[in-house]
Amino acid sequence: MNLTLSDDEVETLRGLLSDFLPQLKFEMARTHGSELLHVLVKRETLCERLLEELRAASTPPQLS
């Protein structure tokens, strides 16, 4: 799946994910059920991957 976002939407999504990630990590630390913990880990992994891709997308290319 491809998703096209404006620069403003990229910034908004990056902010949402950045704000959500600490809360997710806190919830993971409090979770003891392995099934729920697995779901939270998958969400954390996805958030971190999306943040990396958003950072890379908004970084101007470097000249050689």
C-alpha atoms as a PDB file:
ATOM      1  CA  MET A   1       0.000   0.000   0.000  1.00  0.00           C
ATOM      2  CA  ASN A   2       1.228   3.468  -0.835  1.00  0.00           C
ATOM      3  CA  LEU A   3       0.111   6.556   1.012  1.00  0.00           C
ATOM      4  CA  THR A   4       0.580  10.080  -0.242  1.00  0.00           C
ATOM      5  CA  LEU A   5       0.756  12.830   2.360  1.00  0.00           C
ATOM      6  CA  SER A   6       1.326  16.567   2.122  1.00  0.00           C
ATOM      7  CA  ASP A   7       4.220  18.052   4.094  1.00  0.00           C
ATOM      8  CA  ASP A   8       1.740  19.320   6.673  1.00  0.00           C
ATOM      9  CA  GLU A   9       0.158  15.869   6.989  1.00  0.00           C
ATOM     10  CA  VAL A  10       3.598  14.295   7.445  1.00  0.00           C
ATOM     11  CA  GLU A  11       4.323  16.691  10.308  1.00  0.00           C
ATOM     12  CA  THR A  12       0.919  16.012  11.876  1.00  0.00           C
ATOM     13  CA  LEU A  13       1.305  12.240  11.635  1.00  0.00           C
ATOM     14  CA  ARG A  14       4.837  12.411  12.996  1.00  0.00           C
ATOM     15  CA  GLY A  15       3.556  14.415  15.958  1.00  0.00           C
ATOM     16  CA  LEU A  16       0.735  11.966  16.607  1.00  0.00           C
ATOM     17  CA  LEU A  17       3.073   8.987  16.551  1.00  0.00           C
ATOM     18  CA  SER A  18       5.689  10.748  18.676  1.00  0.00           C
ATOM     19  CA  ASP A  19       3.047  11.624  21.271  1.00  0.00           C
ATOM     20  CA  PHE A  20       1.543   8.115  21.233  1.00  0.00           C
ATOM     21  CA  LEU A  21       4.775   6.124  21.512  1.00  0.00           C
ATOM     22  CA  PRO A  22       5.641   7.014  25.151  1.00  0.00           C
ATOM     23  CA  GLN A  23       2.092   6.148  26.226  1.00  0.00           C
ATOM     24  CA  LEU A  24       2.354   2.849  24.390  1.00  0.00           C
ATOM     25  CA  LYS A  25       5.671   2.023  26.071  1.00  0.00           C
ATOM     26  CA  PHE A  26       4.125   2.848  29.468  1.00  0.00           C
ATOM     27  CA  GLU A  27       1.190   0.549  28.742  1.00  0.00           C
ATOM     28  CA  MET A  28       3.583  -2.220  27.665  1.00  0.00           C
ATOM     29  CA  ALA A  29       5.441  -1.931  30.975  1.00  0.00           C
ATOM     30  CA  ARG A  30       2.169  -2.362  32.883  1.00  0.00           C
ATOM     31  CA  THR A  31       0.887  -5.276  30.788  1.00  0.00           C
ATOM     32  CA  HIS A  32       1.318  -8.820  32.046  1.00  0.00           C
ATOM     33  CA  GLY A  33      -0.832 -10.812  29.608  1.00  0.00           C
ATOM     34  CA  SER A  34       1.318 -12.221  26.835  1.00  0.00           C
ATOM     35  CA  GLU A  35      -1.429 -11.911  24.211  1.00  0.00           C
ATOM     36  CA  LEU A  36      -2.047  -8.219  24.877  1.00  0.00           C
ATOM     37  CA  LEU A  37       1.682  -7.557  25.219  1.00  0.00           C
ATOM     38  CA  HIS A  38       2.236  -9.108  21.786  1.00  0.00           C
ATOM     39  CA  VAL A  39      -0.329  -6.716  20.274  1.00  0.00           C
ATOM     40  CA  LEU A  40       1.309  -3.731  21.979  1.00  0.00           C
ATOM     41  CA  VAL A  41       4.781  -4.762  20.769  1.00  0.00           C
ATOM     42  CA  LYS A  42       3.463  -4.996  17.205  1.00  0.00           C
ATOM     43  CA  ARG A  43       2.023  -1.484  17.542  1.00  0.00           C
ATOM     44  CA  GLU A  44       5.293  -0.161  18.955  1.00  0.00           C
ATOM     45  CA  THR A  45       7.253  -1.699  16.092  1.00  0.00           C
ATOM     46  CA  LEU A  46       4.886  -0.184  13.536  1.00  0.00           C
ATOM     47  CA  CYS A  47       5.012   3.260  15.172  1.00  0.00           C
ATOM     48  CA  GLU A  48       8.802   3.254  15.257  1.00  0.00           C
ATOM     49  CA  ARG A  49       9.035   2.127  11.616  1.00  0.00           C
ATOM     50  CA  LEU A  50       6.562   4.781  10.483  1.00  0.00           C
ATOM     51  CA  LEU A  51       8.417   7.476  12.418  1.00  0.00           C
ATOM     52  CA  GLU A  52      11.677   6.467  10.741  1.00  0.00           C
ATOM     53  CA  GLU A  53      10.062   6.558   7.304  1.00  0.00           C
ATOM     54  CA  LEU A  54       8.475   9.947   8.025  1.00  0.00           C
ATOM     55  CA  ARG A  55      11.812  11.336   9.193  1.00  0.00           C
ATOM     56  CA  ALA A  56      13.524  10.034   6.068  1.00  0.00           C
ATOM     57  CA  ALA A  57      10.782  11.436   3.835  1.00  0.00           C
ATOM     58  CA  SER A  58      11.115  14.934   5.281  1.00  0.00           C
ATOM     59  CA  THR A  59      14.918  15.013   5.282  1.00  0.00           C
ATOM     60  CA  PRO A  60      16.193  16.937   2.247  1.00  0.00           C
ATOM     61  CA  PRO A  61      18.581  14.951   0.060  1.00  0.00           C
ATOM     62  CA  GLN A  62      22.248  15.676   0.683  1.00  0.00           C
ATOM     63  CA  LEU A  63      24.441  16.826  -2.157  1.00  0.00           C
ATOM     64  CA  SER A  64      27.565  14.823  -2.853  1.00  0.00           C
END
